[in-house]
Amino acid sequence: MAAKTLVFVHAHPDDEALLTAGTMARAAAEGQRVVLVVATDGAAGLASSDMHEGGLAARRQAELEESCRALGVHRLV
């Protein structure tokens, strides 16, 4: 069977971990190409005021990139 591309679309960083991580990891492990599209940078997320002043979006981006590495995501948009 030829490999397929699966595209997952989420509104916020960390939604992949909460909602579709298992599906993405399994698809990647089975040789499918996994693409994750995230619509926002997460800057308006729920966090302490200290995080908003200290670069919440940058931190969430770094966490998202690490999540993608762990899950085997081929491309993050």
PDB file of N, CA and C in Angstrom:
ATOM      1  N   MET A   1       0.834  -1.181   0.000  1.00  0.00           N
ATOM      2  CA  MET A   1       0.000   0.000   0.000  1.00  0.00           C
ATOM      3  C   MET A   1       0.877   1.243   0.000  1.00  0.00           C
ATOM      4  N   ALA A   2       0.585   2.180  -0.857  1.00  0.00           N
ATOM      5  CA  ALA A   2       1.360   3.407  -0.960  1.00  0.00           C
ATOM      6  C   ALA A   2       1.109   4.303   0.252  1.00  0.00           C
ATOM      7  N   ALA A   3       2.159   5.012   0.651  1.00  0.00           N
ATOM      8  CA  ALA A   3       2.022   5.940   1.773  1.00  0.00           C
ATOM      9  C   ALA A   3       1.064   7.064   1.406  1.00  0.00           C
ATOM     10  N   LYS A   4       0.344   7.538   2.383  1.00  0.00           N
ATOM     11  CA  LYS A   4      -0.598   8.634   2.204  1.00  0.00           C
ATOM     12  C   LYS A   4      -0.148   9.816   3.045  1.00  0.00           C
ATOM     13  N   THR A   5      -0.696  10.976   2.741  1.00  0.00           N
ATOM     14  CA  THR A   5      -0.453  12.159   3.557  1.00  0.00           C
ATOM     15  C   THR A   5      -1.703  12.443   4.365  1.00  0.00           C
ATOM     16  N   LEU A   6      -1.541  12.545   5.663  1.00  0.00           N
ATOM     17  CA  LEU A   6      -2.630  12.900   6.554  1.00  0.00           C
ATOM     18  C   LEU A   6      -2.369  14.311   7.055  1.00  0.00           C
ATOM     19  N   VAL A   7      -3.372  15.181   6.943  1.00  0.00           N
ATOM     20  CA  VAL A   7      -3.246  16.564   7.385  1.00  0.00           C
ATOM     21  C   VAL A   7      -4.175  16.768   8.583  1.00  0.00           C
ATOM     22  N   PHE A   8      -3.594  17.223   9.671  1.00  0.00           N
ATOM     23  CA  PHE A   8      -4.341  17.524  10.887  1.00  0.00           C
ATOM     24  C   PHE A   8      -4.361  19.038  11.049  1.00  0.00           C
ATOM     25  N   VAL A   9      -5.518  19.599  11.347  1.00  0.00           N
ATOM     26  CA  VAL A   9      -5.651  21.048  11.508  1.00  0.00           C
ATOM     27  C   VAL A   9      -6.190  21.325  12.912  1.00  0.00           C
ATOM     28  N   HIS A  10      -5.454  22.159  13.636  1.00  0.00           N
ATOM     29  CA  HIS A  10      -5.861  22.532  14.995  1.00  0.00           C
ATOM     30  C   HIS A  10      -5.819  24.042  15.144  1.00  0.00           C
ATOM     31  N   ALA A  11      -6.599  24.547  16.076  1.00  0.00           N
ATOM     32  CA  ALA A  11      -6.661  25.984  16.306  1.00  0.00           C
ATOM     33  C   ALA A  11      -5.448  26.501  17.071  1.00  0.00           C
ATOM     34  N   HIS A  12      -4.978  25.737  18.055  1.00  0.00           N
ATOM     35  CA  HIS A  12      -3.952  26.236  18.968  1.00  0.00           C
ATOM     36  C   HIS A  12      -2.818  25.228  19.156  1.00  0.00           C
ATOM     37  N   PRO A  13      -1.629  25.736  19.488  1.00  0.00           N
ATOM     38  CA  PRO A  13      -0.559  24.829  19.918  1.00  0.00           C
ATOM     39  C   PRO A  13      -1.040  24.082  21.160  1.00  0.00           C
ATOM     40  N   ASP A  14      -0.737  22.864  21.279  1.00  0.00           N
ATOM     41  CA  ASP A  14      -1.048  21.875  22.312  1.00  0.00           C
ATOM     42  C   ASP A  14      -2.339  21.124  22.042  1.00  0.00           C
ATOM     43  N   ASP A  15      -3.152  21.593  21.079  1.00  0.00           N
ATOM     44  CA  ASP A  15      -4.351  20.831  20.718  1.00  0.00           C
ATOM     45  C   ASP A  15      -3.981  19.463  20.167  1.00  0.00           C
ATOM     46  N   GLU A  16      -2.842  19.383  19.471  1.00  0.00           N
ATOM     47  CA  GLU A  16      -2.420  18.090  18.941  1.00  0.00           C
ATOM     48  C   GLU A  16      -2.164  17.102  20.068  1.00  0.00           C
ATOM     49  N   ALA A  17      -1.562  17.581  21.158  1.00  0.00           N
ATOM     50  CA  ALA A  17      -1.268  16.709  22.293  1.00  0.00           C
ATOM     51  C   ALA A  17      -2.551  16.275  22.994  1.00  0.00           C
ATOM     52  N   LEU A  18      -3.507  17.168  23.062  1.00  0.00           N
ATOM     53  CA  LEU A  18      -4.760  16.868  23.752  1.00  0.00           C
ATOM     54  C   LEU A  18      -5.721  16.025  22.925  1.00  0.00           C
ATOM     55  N   LEU A  19      -5.654  16.141  21.594  1.00  0.00           N
ATOM     56  CA  LEU A  19      -6.707  15.566  20.762  1.00  0.00           C
ATOM     57  C   LEU A  19      -6.274  14.459  19.806  1.00  0.00           C
ATOM     58  N   THR A  20      -5.158  14.609  19.106  1.00  0.00           N
ATOM     59  CA  THR A  20      -4.860  13.670  18.019  1.00  0.00           C
ATOM     60  C   THR A  20      -3.451  13.070  18.070  1.00  0.00           C
ATOM     61  N   ALA A  21      -2.770  13.214  19.183  1.00  0.00           N
ATOM     62  CA  ALA A  21      -1.389  12.741  19.276  1.00  0.00           C
ATOM     63  C   ALA A  21      -1.258  11.253  18.945  1.00  0.00           C
ATOM     64  N   GLY A  22      -2.126  10.445  19.483  1.00  0.00           N
ATOM     65  CA  GLY A  22      -2.043   9.008  19.251  1.00  0.00           C
ATOM     66  C   GLY A  22      -2.235   8.645  17.789  1.00  0.00           C
ATOM     67  N   THR A  23      -3.177   9.285  17.153  1.00  0.00           N
ATOM     68  CA  THR A  23      -3.439   9.023  15.735  1.00  0.00           C
ATOM     69  C   THR A  23      -2.253   9.452  14.883  1.00  0.00           C
ATOM     70  N   MET A  24      -1.701  10.631  15.176  1.00  0.00           N
ATOM     71  CA  MET A  24      -0.542  11.109  14.412  1.00  0.00           C
ATOM     72  C   MET A  24       0.659  10.199  14.601  1.00  0.00           C
ATOM     73  N   ALA A  25       0.939   9.814  15.830  1.00  0.00           N
ATOM     74  CA  ALA A  25       2.087   8.947  16.102  1.00  0.00           C
ATOM     75  C   ALA A  25       1.929   7.600  15.414  1.00  0.00           C
ATOM     76  N   ARG A  26       0.749   7.037  15.463  1.00  0.00           N
ATOM     77  CA  ARG A  26       0.525   5.739  14.815  1.00  0.00           C
ATOM     78  C   ARG A  26       0.689   5.849  13.304  1.00  0.00           C
ATOM     79  N   ALA A  27       0.102   6.893  12.718  1.00  0.00           N
ATOM     80  CA  ALA A  27       0.224   7.070  11.271  1.00  0.00           C
ATOM     81  C   ALA A  27       1.686   7.230  10.863  1.00  0.00           C
ATOM     82  N   ALA A  28       2.433   8.038  11.590  1.00  0.00           N
ATOM     83  CA  ALA A  28       3.851   8.232  11.279  1.00  0.00           C
ATOM     84  C   ALA A  28       4.622   6.921  11.431  1.00  0.00           C
ATOM     85  N   ALA A  29       4.330   6.172  12.484  1.00  0.00           N
ATOM     86  CA  ALA A  29       5.008   4.891  12.700  1.00  0.00           C
ATOM     87  C   ALA A  29       4.686   3.885  11.599  1.00  0.00           C
ATOM     88  N   GLU A  30       3.521   4.008  11.003  1.00  0.00           N
ATOM     89  CA  GLU A  30       3.123   3.111   9.917  1.00  0.00           C
ATOM     90  C   GLU A  30       3.621   3.588   8.554  1.00  0.00           C
ATOM     91  N   GLY A  31       4.390   4.674   8.536  1.00  0.00           N
ATOM     92  CA  GLY A  31       4.986   5.137   7.290  1.00  0.00           C
ATOM     93  C   GLY A  31       4.191   6.178   6.532  1.00  0.00           C
ATOM     94  N   GLN A  32       3.133   6.687   7.142  1.00  0.00           N
ATOM     95  CA  GLN A  32       2.346   7.725   6.486  1.00  0.00           C
ATOM     96  C   GLN A  32       3.026   9.085   6.698  1.00  0.00           C
ATOM     97  N   ARG A  33       2.816  10.002   5.786  1.00  0.00           N
ATOM     98  CA  ARG A  33       3.335  11.362   5.925  1.00  0.00           C
ATOM     99  C   ARG A  33       2.317  12.155   6.724  1.00  0.00           C
ATOM    100  N   VAL A  34       2.759  12.761   7.821  1.00  0.00           N
ATOM    101  CA  VAL A  34       1.873  13.494   8.717  1.00  0.00           C
ATOM    102  C   VAL A  34       2.225  14.973   8.671  1.00  0.00           C
ATOM    103  N   VAL A  35       1.212  15.791   8.389  1.00  0.00           N
ATOM    104  CA  VAL A  35       1.368  17.240   8.353  1.00  0.00           C
ATOM    105  C   VAL A  35       0.433  17.826   9.404  1.00  0.00           C
ATOM    106  N   LEU A  36       0.961  18.755  10.203  1.00  0.00           N
ATOM    107  CA  LEU A  36       0.153  19.426  11.217  1.00  0.00           C
ATOM    108  C   LEU A  36       0.072  20.910  10.890  1.00  0.00           C
ATOM    109  N   VAL A  37      -1.147  21.428  10.791  1.00  0.00           N
ATOM    110  CA  VAL A  37      -1.391  22.847  10.563  1.00  0.00           C
ATOM    111  C   VAL A  37      -2.000  23.413  11.844  1.00  0.00           C
ATOM    112  N   VAL A  38      -1.398  24.475  12.372  1.00  0.00           N
ATOM    113  CA  VAL A  38      -1.904  25.122  13.582  1.00  0.00           C
ATOM    114  C   VAL A  38      -2.231  26.573  13.225  1.00  0.00           C
ATOM    115  N   ALA A  39      -3.458  27.001  13.500  1.00  0.00           N
ATOM    116  CA  ALA A  39      -3.955  28.289  13.022  1.00  0.00           C
ATOM    117  C   ALA A  39      -3.471  29.500  13.810  1.00  0.00           C
ATOM    118  N   THR A  40      -3.144  29.333  15.092  1.00  0.00           N
ATOM    119  CA  THR A  40      -2.713  30.474  15.904  1.00  0.00           C
ATOM    120  C   THR A  40      -1.381  30.173  16.577  1.00  0.00           C
ATOM    121  N   ASP A  41      -0.758  31.223  17.116  1.00  0.00           N
ATOM    122  CA  ASP A  41       0.523  31.014  17.801  1.00  0.00           C
ATOM    123  C   ASP A  41       0.364  30.752  19.290  1.00  0.00           C
ATOM    124  N   GLY A  42      -0.854  30.820  19.791  1.00  0.00           N
ATOM    125  CA  GLY A  42      -1.097  30.535  21.196  1.00  0.00           C
ATOM    126  C   GLY A  42      -0.809  31.687  22.134  1.00  0.00           C
ATOM    127  N   ALA A  43      -0.532  32.867  21.604  1.00  0.00           N
ATOM    128  CA  ALA A  43      -0.178  34.011  22.445  1.00  0.00           C
ATOM    129  C   ALA A  43      -1.316  34.435  23.379  1.00  0.00           C
ATOM    130  N   ALA A  44      -2.546  34.128  23.009  1.00  0.00           N
ATOM    131  CA  ALA A  44      -3.686  34.525  23.832  1.00  0.00           C
ATOM    132  C   ALA A  44      -4.152  33.396  24.741  1.00  0.00           C
ATOM    133  N   GLY A  45      -3.326  32.370  24.890  1.00  0.00           N
ATOM    134  CA  GLY A  45      -3.711  31.213  25.676  1.00  0.00           C
ATOM    135  C   GLY A  45      -3.822  31.498  27.158  1.00  0.00           C
ATOM    136  N   LEU A  46      -4.419  30.558  27.864  1.00  0.00           N
ATOM    137  CA  LEU A  46      -4.561  30.685  29.305  1.00  0.00           C
ATOM    138  C   LEU A  46      -3.217  30.421  29.963  1.00  0.00           C
ATOM    139  N   ALA A  47      -2.698  31.429  30.632  1.00  0.00           N
ATOM    140  CA  ALA A  47      -1.428  31.306  31.331  1.00  0.00           C
ATOM    141  C   ALA A  47      -1.315  32.470  32.298  1.00  0.00           C
ATOM    142  N   SER A  48      -0.367  32.378  33.200  1.00  0.00           N
ATOM    143  CA  SER A  48      -0.165  33.480  34.139  1.00  0.00           C
ATOM    144  C   SER A  48       0.289  34.730  33.389  1.00  0.00           C
ATOM    145  N   SER A  49       0.076  35.880  33.980  1.00  0.00           N
ATOM    146  CA  SER A  49       0.475  37.131  33.337  1.00  0.00           C
ATOM    147  C   SER A  49       1.985  37.170  33.114  1.00  0.00           C
ATOM    148  N   ASP A  50       2.751  36.499  33.945  1.00  0.00           N
ATOM    149  CA  ASP A  50       4.202  36.431  33.759  1.00  0.00           C
ATOM    150  C   ASP A  50       4.557  35.784  32.422  1.00  0.00           C
ATOM    151  N   MET A  51       3.805  34.768  32.024  1.00  0.00           N
ATOM    152  CA  MET A  51       4.076  34.086  30.756  1.00  0.00           C
ATOM    153  C   MET A  51       3.745  34.982  29.567  1.00  0.00           C
ATOM    154  N   HIS A  52       2.688  35.764  29.659  1.00  0.00           N
ATOM    155  CA  HIS A  52       2.314  36.637  28.544  1.00  0.00           C
ATOM    156  C   HIS A  52       3.377  37.705  28.320  1.00  0.00           C
ATOM    157  N   GLU A  53       3.954  38.198  29.389  1.00  0.00           N
ATOM    158  CA  GLU A  53       4.997  39.210  29.279  1.00  0.00           C
ATOM    159  C   GLU A  53       6.326  38.599  28.859  1.00  0.00           C
ATOM    160  N   GLY A  54       6.508  37.330  29.099  1.00  0.00           N
ATOM    161  CA  GLY A  54       7.784  36.682  28.832  1.00  0.00           C
ATOM    162  C   GLY A  54       7.831  35.866  27.556  1.00  0.00           C
ATOM    163  N   GLY A  55       6.904  36.086  26.636  1.00  0.00           N
ATOM    164  CA  GLY A  55       6.976  35.385  25.363  1.00  0.00           C
ATOM    165  C   GLY A  55       6.229  34.071  25.315  1.00  0.00           C
ATOM    166  N   LEU A  56       4.971  34.101  25.670  1.00  0.00           N
ATOM    167  CA  LEU A  56       4.157  32.881  25.667  1.00  0.00           C
ATOM    168  C   LEU A  56       4.136  32.231  24.283  1.00  0.00           C
ATOM    169  N   ALA A  57       4.003  33.031  23.237  1.00  0.00           N
ATOM    170  CA  ALA A  57       3.937  32.460  21.886  1.00  0.00           C
ATOM    171  C   ALA A  57       5.224  31.715  21.538  1.00  0.00           C
ATOM    172  N   ALA A  58       6.364  32.277  21.881  1.00  0.00           N
ATOM    173  CA  ALA A  58       7.644  31.616  21.589  1.00  0.00           C
ATOM    174  C   ALA A  58       7.771  30.302  22.358  1.00  0.00           C
ATOM    175  N   ARG A  59       7.340  30.311  23.600  1.00  0.00           N
ATOM    176  CA  ARG A  59       7.404  29.081  24.396  1.00  0.00           C
ATOM    177  C   ARG A  59       6.477  28.007  23.823  1.00  0.00           C
ATOM    178  N   ARG A  60       5.273  28.412  23.447  1.00  0.00           N
ATOM    179  CA  ARG A  60       4.334  27.442  22.891  1.00  0.00           C
ATOM    180  C   ARG A  60       4.821  26.913  21.545  1.00  0.00           C
ATOM    181  N   GLN A  61       5.487  27.746  20.758  1.00  0.00           N
ATOM    182  CA  GLN A  61       6.052  27.288  19.491  1.00  0.00           C
ATOM    183  C   GLN A  61       7.133  26.236  19.736  1.00  0.00           C
ATOM    184  N   ALA A  62       7.991  26.485  20.697  1.00  0.00           N
ATOM    185  CA  ALA A  62       9.045  25.517  21.025  1.00  0.00           C
ATOM    186  C   ALA A  62       8.445  24.201  21.506  1.00  0.00           C
ATOM    187  N   GLU A  63       7.417  24.282  22.332  1.00  0.00           N
ATOM    188  CA  GLU A  63       6.745  23.067  22.805  1.00  0.00           C
ATOM    189  C   GLU A  63       6.077  22.322  21.645  1.00  0.00           C
ATOM    190  N   LEU A  64       5.484  23.068  20.731  1.00  0.00           N
ATOM    191  CA  LEU A  64       4.829  22.466  19.569  1.00  0.00           C
ATOM    192  C   LEU A  64       5.847  21.746  18.689  1.00  0.00           C
ATOM    193  N   GLU A  65       6.985  22.368  18.457  1.00  0.00           N
ATOM    194  CA  GLU A  65       8.033  21.742  17.646  1.00  0.00           C
ATOM    195  C   GLU A  65       8.540  20.457  18.301  1.00  0.00           C
ATOM    196  N   GLU A  66       8.699  20.467  19.609  1.00  0.00           N
ATOM    197  CA  GLU A  66       9.146  19.262  20.319  1.00  0.00           C
ATOM    198  C   GLU A  66       8.070  18.177  20.244  1.00  0.00           C
ATOM    199  N   SER A  67       6.825  18.549  20.376  1.00  0.00           N
ATOM    200  CA  SER A  67       5.731  17.596  20.255  1.00  0.00           C
ATOM    201  C   SER A  67       5.751  16.938  18.880  1.00  0.00           C
ATOM    202  N   CYS A  68       5.946  17.749  17.844  1.00  0.00           N
ATOM    203  CA  CYS A  68       5.991  17.214  16.481  1.00  0.00           C
ATOM    204  C   CYS A  68       7.143  16.226  16.303  1.00  0.00           C
ATOM    205  N   ARG A  69       8.289  16.537  16.879  1.00  0.00           N
ATOM    206  CA  ARG A  69       9.427  15.598  16.811  1.00  0.00           C
ATOM    207  C   ARG A  69       9.078  14.277  17.481  1.00  0.00           C
ATOM    208  N   ALA A  70       8.479  14.364  18.654  1.00  0.00           N
ATOM    209  CA  ALA A  70       8.133  13.152  19.401  1.00  0.00           C
ATOM    210  C   ALA A  70       7.078  12.316  18.689  1.00  0.00           C
ATOM    211  N   LEU A  71       6.155  12.969  17.991  1.00  0.00           N
ATOM    212  CA  LEU A  71       5.062  12.262  17.315  1.00  0.00           C
ATOM    213  C   LEU A  71       5.420  11.777  15.928  1.00  0.00           C
ATOM    214  N   GLY A  72       6.529  12.258  15.378  1.00  0.00           N
ATOM    215  CA  GLY A  72       6.925  11.856  14.039  1.00  0.00           C
ATOM    216  C   GLY A  72       6.287  12.668  12.936  1.00  0.00           C
ATOM    217  N   VAL A  73       5.812  13.875  13.270  1.00  0.00           N
ATOM    218  CA  VAL A  73       5.189  14.750  12.279  1.00  0.00           C
ATOM    219  C   VAL A  73       6.240  15.162  11.255  1.00  0.00           C
ATOM    220  N   HIS A  74       5.900  15.071   9.994  1.00  0.00           N
ATOM    221  CA  HIS A  74       6.837  15.387   8.916  1.00  0.00           C
ATOM    222  C   HIS A  74       6.928  16.868   8.616  1.00  0.00           C
ATOM    223  N   ARG A  75       5.815  17.579   8.786  1.00  0.00           N
ATOM    224  CA  ARG A  75       5.814  19.014   8.478  1.00  0.00           C
ATOM    225  C   ARG A  75       4.851  19.729   9.419  1.00  0.00           C
ATOM    226  N   LEU A  76       5.298  20.866   9.938  1.00  0.00           N
ATOM    227  CA  LEU A  76       4.492  21.715  10.786  1.00  0.00           C
ATOM    228  C   LEU A  76       4.284  23.053  10.072  1.00  0.00           C
ATOM    229  N   VAL A  77       3.032  23.455   9.949  1.00  0.00           N
ATOM    230  CA  VAL A  77       2.707  24.727   9.296  1.00  0.00           C
ATOM    231  C   VAL A  77       1.947  25.580  10.291  1.00  0.00           C
TER     232      VAL A  77
END
